[in-house]
Amino acid sequence: METLIDVVLETSDELLRSHGACPRPQVQILAEDMDQPYVGFVTCRPFYRGADAASALADLGLFPSVLMATRLLVVWEDCDLRTALQLPGESFDTGVVILDASLETHTLNWYPFDVEVGDAGPHGIPTVVPHWRTPARFENVQLPAPIAELLEVWREFRHEDIQETAIELQRAGYEFSMVQR
């Protein structure tokens, strides 16, 4: 699991440095009852602030539910997420959150960083140089409501068609990257 977390952090760091942005929220999907448990990941669809953001995040639980996945890593950048959800407060700390969730529990891994604005990237947008601070772990903490709902959606295994579910989510704008076996 640590290897997957390291890859997610390296990808986040590279995206910040090259494009000045963090990855969109995503779920890394695992089926621990399989010989090769890593299934792939789903990236959240683009969304508007407020209720649309909350709905988009909760629906990230649909595909892993249909797959009957046994473990998820839910990834988001906390400042972006809280801003998109229009949560109270004037500013939020920047940090990558990697939520390691089983069917019964969850551990929130917090990777805070400070930002230094860098040169313009390939699309003319300033890049960001992250200065990573000391990470922290929290067991079974309260989660933002749409993330808690995502877990509820996932934990209610659905006996629906996998392909149809994937197609519907792709039409809505979710992006898939699945392991080919």
C-alpha atoms as a PDB file:
ATOM      1  CA  MET A   1       0.000   0.000   0.000  1.00  0.00           C
ATOM      2  CA  GLU A   2       2.866   2.349   0.788  1.00  0.00           C
ATOM      3  CA  THR A   3       4.086   2.024  -2.817  1.00  0.00           C
ATOM      4  CA  LEU A   4       0.711   3.138  -4.170  1.00  0.00           C
ATOM      5  CA  ILE A   5       0.623   6.065  -1.744  1.00  0.00           C
ATOM      6  CA  ASP A   6       4.143   7.047  -2.844  1.00  0.00           C
ATOM      7  CA  VAL A   7       3.073   6.969  -6.510  1.00  0.00           C
ATOM      8  CA  VAL A   8       0.038   9.166  -5.767  1.00  0.00           C
ATOM      9  CA  LEU A   9       2.236  11.682  -3.931  1.00  0.00           C
ATOM     10  CA  GLU A  10       4.872  11.701  -6.689  1.00  0.00           C
ATOM     11  CA  THR A  11       2.164  12.258  -9.300  1.00  0.00           C
ATOM     12  CA  SER A  12       0.681  15.114  -7.265  1.00  0.00           C
ATOM     13  CA  ASP A  13       4.109  16.708  -6.862  1.00  0.00           C
ATOM     14  CA  GLU A  14       4.858  16.424 -10.588  1.00  0.00           C
ATOM     15  CA  LEU A  15       1.488  17.877 -11.585  1.00  0.00           C
ATOM     16  CA  LEU A  16       1.985  20.826  -9.232  1.00  0.00           C
ATOM     17  CA  ARG A  17       5.455  21.478 -10.636  1.00  0.00           C
ATOM     18  CA  SER A  18       4.531  21.078 -14.306  1.00  0.00           C
ATOM     19  CA  HIS A  19       0.994  22.518 -14.440  1.00  0.00           C
ATOM     20  CA  GLY A  20       0.440  24.398 -11.181  1.00  0.00           C
ATOM     21  CA  ALA A  21      -2.479  22.176 -10.177  1.00  0.00           C
ATOM     22  CA  CYS A  22      -3.223  19.094  -8.100  1.00  0.00           C
ATOM     23  CA  PRO A  23      -4.965  16.078  -9.557  1.00  0.00           C
ATOM     24  CA  ARG A  24      -8.759  16.093  -9.470  1.00  0.00           C
ATOM     25  CA  PRO A  25     -10.272  13.932  -6.724  1.00  0.00           C
ATOM     26  CA  GLN A  26      -9.939  10.239  -7.490  1.00  0.00           C
ATOM     27  CA  VAL A  27     -10.438   6.762  -6.092  1.00  0.00           C
ATOM     28  CA  GLN A  28      -7.732   4.124  -6.359  1.00  0.00           C
ATOM     29  CA  ILE A  29      -9.534   0.773  -6.362  1.00  0.00           C
ATOM     30  CA  LEU A  30      -8.338  -2.472  -4.794  1.00  0.00           C
ATOM     31  CA  ALA A  31      -9.883  -5.927  -4.627  1.00  0.00           C
ATOM     32  CA  GLU A  32      -7.851  -7.652  -1.936  1.00  0.00           C
ATOM     33  CA  ASP A  33      -9.530 -10.988  -2.632  1.00  0.00           C
ATOM     34  CA  MET A  34      -7.722 -11.159  -6.014  1.00  0.00           C
ATOM     35  CA  ASP A  35      -4.145 -12.332  -6.685  1.00  0.00           C
ATOM     36  CA  GLN A  36      -3.334  -8.893  -8.132  1.00  0.00           C
ATOM     37  CA  PRO A  37      -5.444  -6.567  -5.945  1.00  0.00           C
ATOM     38  CA  TYR A  38      -4.863  -3.263  -7.760  1.00  0.00           C
ATOM     39  CA  VAL A  39      -7.752  -2.656 -10.178  1.00  0.00           C
ATOM     40  CA  GLY A  40      -7.087   0.926 -11.308  1.00  0.00           C
ATOM     41  CA  PHE A  41      -8.525   4.348 -10.593  1.00  0.00           C
ATOM     42  CA  VAL A  42     -11.406   6.661 -11.432  1.00  0.00           C
ATOM     43  CA  THR A  43     -10.923  10.428 -11.615  1.00  0.00           C
ATOM     44  CA  CYS A  44     -13.799  12.725 -10.689  1.00  0.00           C
ATOM     45  CA  ARG A  45     -15.743  14.510 -13.393  1.00  0.00           C
ATOM     46  CA  PRO A  46     -15.419  18.288 -13.675  1.00  0.00           C
ATOM     47  CA  PHE A  47     -17.922  20.044 -11.410  1.00  0.00           C
ATOM     48  CA  TYR A  48     -19.320  23.403 -10.370  1.00  0.00           C
ATOM     49  CA  ARG A  49     -18.950  24.643  -6.815  1.00  0.00           C
ATOM     50  CA  GLY A  50     -21.510  23.668  -4.225  1.00  0.00           C
ATOM     51  CA  ALA A  51     -24.072  20.893  -4.629  1.00  0.00           C
ATOM     52  CA  ASP A  52     -22.656  19.746  -7.987  1.00  0.00           C
ATOM     53  CA  ALA A  53     -19.222  19.231  -6.403  1.00  0.00           C
ATOM     54  CA  ALA A  54     -20.771  17.237  -3.546  1.00  0.00           C
ATOM     55  CA  SER A  55     -22.719  15.043  -5.971  1.00  0.00           C
ATOM     56  CA  ALA A  56     -19.687  14.456  -8.210  1.00  0.00           C
ATOM     57  CA  LEU A  57     -17.584  13.377  -5.237  1.00  0.00           C
ATOM     58  CA  ALA A  58     -20.206  11.027  -3.790  1.00  0.00           C
ATOM     59  CA  ASP A  59     -20.665   9.361  -7.183  1.00  0.00           C
ATOM     60  CA  LEU A  60     -16.984   8.353  -7.175  1.00  0.00           C
ATOM     61  CA  GLY A  61     -18.176   5.486  -4.955  1.00  0.00           C
ATOM     62  CA  LEU A  62     -20.453   3.968  -7.616  1.00  0.00           C
ATOM     63  CA  PHE A  63     -17.943   2.078  -9.749  1.00  0.00           C
ATOM     64  CA  PRO A  64     -16.036   0.519  -6.817  1.00  0.00           C
ATOM     65  CA  SER A  65     -19.414  -0.500  -5.380  1.00  0.00           C
ATOM     66  CA  VAL A  66     -20.371  -2.356  -8.554  1.00  0.00           C
ATOM     67  CA  LEU A  67     -16.899  -3.960  -8.635  1.00  0.00           C
ATOM     68  CA  MET A  68     -17.381  -4.957  -4.977  1.00  0.00           C
ATOM     69  CA  ALA A  69     -13.934  -3.558  -4.222  1.00  0.00           C
ATOM     70  CA  THR A  70     -12.614  -4.256  -0.741  1.00  0.00           C
ATOM     71  CA  ARG A  71     -10.401  -1.199  -0.291  1.00  0.00           C
ATOM     72  CA  LEU A  72     -10.120   2.331  -1.649  1.00  0.00           C
ATOM     73  CA  LEU A  73      -7.620   5.121  -1.572  1.00  0.00           C
ATOM     74  CA  VAL A  74      -9.586   8.345  -1.957  1.00  0.00           C
ATOM     75  CA  VAL A  75      -7.339  11.229  -3.007  1.00  0.00           C
ATOM     76  CA  TRP A  76      -7.997  14.973  -3.001  1.00  0.00           C
ATOM     77  CA  GLU A  77      -6.298  18.309  -2.382  1.00  0.00           C
ATOM     78  CA  ASP A  78      -7.945  19.655   0.738  1.00  0.00           C
ATOM     79  CA  CYS A  79      -7.976  23.398  -0.018  1.00  0.00           C
ATOM     80  CA  ASP A  80      -9.478  22.766  -3.464  1.00  0.00           C
ATOM     81  CA  LEU A  81     -12.092  20.385  -2.077  1.00  0.00           C
ATOM     82  CA  ARG A  82     -13.197  22.666   0.764  1.00  0.00           C
ATOM     83  CA  THR A  83     -13.345  25.636  -1.605  1.00  0.00           C
ATOM     84  CA  ALA A  84     -15.393  23.653  -4.153  1.00  0.00           C
ATOM     85  CA  LEU A  85     -17.798  22.567  -1.421  1.00  0.00           C
ATOM     86  CA  GLN A  86     -18.087  26.191  -0.282  1.00  0.00           C
ATOM     87  CA  LEU A  87     -17.333  25.247   3.308  1.00  0.00           C
ATOM     88  CA  PRO A  88     -17.180  28.064   5.870  1.00  0.00           C
ATOM     89  CA  GLY A  89     -13.837  29.781   6.296  1.00  0.00           C
ATOM     90  CA  GLU A  90     -11.764  32.322   4.451  1.00  0.00           C
ATOM     91  CA  SER A  91      -8.788  30.116   3.658  1.00  0.00           C
ATOM     92  CA  PHE A  92      -7.828  26.487   4.000  1.00  0.00           C
ATOM     93  CA  ASP A  93      -4.511  24.701   4.376  1.00  0.00           C
ATOM     94  CA  THR A  94      -3.062  23.156   1.247  1.00  0.00           C
ATOM     95  CA  GLY A  95      -2.388  19.454   1.434  1.00  0.00           C
ATOM     96  CA  VAL A  96      -2.899  16.202  -0.384  1.00  0.00           C
ATOM     97  CA  VAL A  97      -5.231  13.859   1.475  1.00  0.00           C
ATOM     98  CA  ILE A  98      -5.007  10.124   0.881  1.00  0.00           C
ATOM     99  CA  LEU A  99      -7.841   8.364   2.661  1.00  0.00           C
ATOM    100  CA  ASP A 100      -7.144   4.638   3.058  1.00  0.00           C
ATOM    101  CA  ALA A 101     -10.576   3.039   3.484  1.00  0.00           C
ATOM    102  CA  SER A 102     -11.549  -0.544   4.198  1.00  0.00           C
ATOM    103  CA  LEU A 103     -15.129  -1.762   4.393  1.00  0.00           C
ATOM    104  CA  GLU A 104     -15.205  -0.952   8.125  1.00  0.00           C
ATOM    105  CA  THR A 105     -12.644   1.772   8.888  1.00  0.00           C
ATOM    106  CA  HIS A 106     -10.564   4.546   7.373  1.00  0.00           C
ATOM    107  CA  THR A 107      -7.238   6.276   7.941  1.00  0.00           C
ATOM    108  CA  LEU A 108      -6.741   9.825   6.731  1.00  0.00           C
ATOM    109  CA  ASN A 109      -3.172  10.503   5.616  1.00  0.00           C
ATOM    110  CA  TRP A 110      -2.474  14.251   5.487  1.00  0.00           C
ATOM    111  CA  TYR A 111       0.436  15.558   3.395  1.00  0.00           C
ATOM    112  CA  PRO A 112       0.513  19.340   3.911  1.00  0.00           C
ATOM    113  CA  PHE A 113       2.534  21.636   1.709  1.00  0.00           C
ATOM    114  CA  ASP A 114       3.285  25.311   1.263  1.00  0.00           C
ATOM    115  CA  VAL A 115       3.375  26.704  -2.249  1.00  0.00           C
ATOM    116  CA  GLU A 116       5.885  28.871  -4.016  1.00  0.00           C
ATOM    117  CA  VAL A 117       4.734  30.213  -7.366  1.00  0.00           C
ATOM    118  CA  GLY A 118       7.131  29.134 -10.109  1.00  0.00           C
ATOM    119  CA  ASP A 119       7.579  29.911 -13.787  1.00  0.00           C
ATOM    120  CA  ALA A 120       4.766  29.602 -16.312  1.00  0.00           C
ATOM    121  CA  GLY A 121       4.118  26.031 -17.437  1.00  0.00           C
ATOM    122  CA  PRO A 122       3.450  24.750 -20.962  1.00  0.00           C
ATOM    123  CA  HIS A 123      -0.046  26.285 -21.029  1.00  0.00           C
ATOM    124  CA  GLY A 124       1.014  29.691 -19.691  1.00  0.00           C
ATOM    125  CA  ILE A 125      -0.277  28.980 -16.192  1.00  0.00           C
ATOM    126  CA  PRO A 126       2.194  29.546 -13.352  1.00  0.00           C
ATOM    127  CA  THR A 127       3.568  26.353 -11.897  1.00  0.00           C
ATOM    128  CA  VAL A 128       3.793  25.684  -8.191  1.00  0.00           C
ATOM    129  CA  VAL A 129       6.799  24.484  -6.249  1.00  0.00           C
ATOM    130  CA  PRO A 130       5.467  22.508  -3.284  1.00  0.00           C
ATOM    131  CA  HIS A 131       7.397  22.573  -0.027  1.00  0.00           C
ATOM    132  CA  TRP A 132       6.167  19.467   1.768  1.00  0.00           C
ATOM    133  CA  ARG A 133       5.708  19.671   5.527  1.00  0.00           C
ATOM    134  CA  THR A 134       5.441  16.910   8.121  1.00  0.00           C
ATOM    135  CA  PRO A 135       2.691  14.400   7.252  1.00  0.00           C
ATOM    136  CA  ALA A 136       0.152  13.119   9.782  1.00  0.00           C
ATOM    137  CA  ARG A 137      -2.239  10.158  10.136  1.00  0.00           C
ATOM    138  CA  PHE A 138      -5.697  10.169  11.678  1.00  0.00           C
ATOM    139  CA  GLU A 139      -7.792   7.055  12.348  1.00  0.00           C
ATOM    140  CA  ASN A 140     -11.550   7.127  11.690  1.00  0.00           C
ATOM    141  CA  VAL A 141     -11.830  10.930  11.782  1.00  0.00           C
ATOM    142  CA  GLN A 142     -14.906  12.822  10.656  1.00  0.00           C
ATOM    143  CA  LEU A 143     -14.787  13.435   6.907  1.00  0.00           C
ATOM    144  CA  PRO A 144     -16.284  16.126   4.681  1.00  0.00           C
ATOM    145  CA  ALA A 145     -19.897  15.041   4.047  1.00  0.00           C
ATOM    146  CA  PRO A 146     -19.456  14.172   0.323  1.00  0.00           C
ATOM    147  CA  ILE A 147     -16.414  11.997   1.114  1.00  0.00           C
ATOM    148  CA  ALA A 148     -18.368  10.199   3.856  1.00  0.00           C
ATOM    149  CA  GLU A 149     -21.187   9.724   1.327  1.00  0.00           C
ATOM    150  CA  LEU A 150     -18.703   8.365  -1.237  1.00  0.00           C
ATOM    151  CA  LEU A 151     -17.714   5.697   1.309  1.00  0.00           C
ATOM    152  CA  GLU A 152     -21.372   4.909   2.057  1.00  0.00           C
ATOM    153  CA  VAL A 153     -22.130   4.538  -1.663  1.00  0.00           C
ATOM    154  CA  TRP A 154     -19.135   2.238  -2.139  1.00  0.00           C
ATOM    155  CA  ARG A 155     -19.880   0.092   0.917  1.00  0.00           C
ATOM    156  CA  GLU A 156     -23.408  -0.646  -0.373  1.00  0.00           C
ATOM    157  CA  PHE A 157     -22.383  -3.225  -2.971  1.00  0.00           C
ATOM    158  CA  ARG A 158     -24.535  -2.890  -6.061  1.00  0.00           C
ATOM    159  CA  HIS A 159     -25.377  -5.830  -8.272  1.00  0.00           C
ATOM    160  CA  GLU A 160     -25.429  -3.775 -11.454  1.00  0.00           C
ATOM    161  CA  ASP A 161     -23.751  -4.210 -14.809  1.00  0.00           C
ATOM    162  CA  ILE A 162     -20.100  -3.149 -14.545  1.00  0.00           C
ATOM    163  CA  GLN A 163     -19.801  -2.071 -18.177  1.00  0.00           C
ATOM    164  CA  GLU A 164     -23.046  -0.066 -18.168  1.00  0.00           C
ATOM    165  CA  THR A 165     -22.021   1.680 -14.943  1.00  0.00           C
ATOM    166  CA  ALA A 166     -18.619   2.580 -16.410  1.00  0.00           C
ATOM    167  CA  ILE A 167     -20.191   3.904 -19.621  1.00  0.00           C
ATOM    168  CA  GLU A 168     -22.689   6.066 -17.699  1.00  0.00           C
ATOM    169  CA  LEU A 169     -19.923   7.501 -15.527  1.00  0.00           C
ATOM    170  CA  GLN A 170     -17.705   8.169 -18.548  1.00  0.00           C
ATOM    171  CA  ARG A 171     -20.572   9.972 -20.281  1.00  0.00           C
ATOM    172  CA  ALA A 172     -20.875  12.141 -17.180  1.00  0.00           C
ATOM    173  CA  GLY A 173     -17.160  13.021 -17.414  1.00  0.00           C
ATOM    174  CA  TYR A 174     -15.458  10.583 -15.035  1.00  0.00           C
ATOM    175  CA  GLU A 175     -12.162   9.213 -16.338  1.00  0.00           C
ATOM    176  CA  PHE A 176     -11.030   5.612 -15.927  1.00  0.00           C
ATOM    177  CA  SER A 177      -7.598   4.018 -15.858  1.00  0.00           C
ATOM    178  CA  MET A 178      -7.933   0.289 -15.287  1.00  0.00           C
ATOM    179  CA  VAL A 179      -5.251  -2.399 -15.149  1.00  0.00           C
ATOM    180  CA  GLN A 180      -5.339  -4.670 -18.188  1.00  0.00           C
ATOM    181  CA  ARG A 181      -5.154  -8.357 -17.243  1.00  0.00           C
END
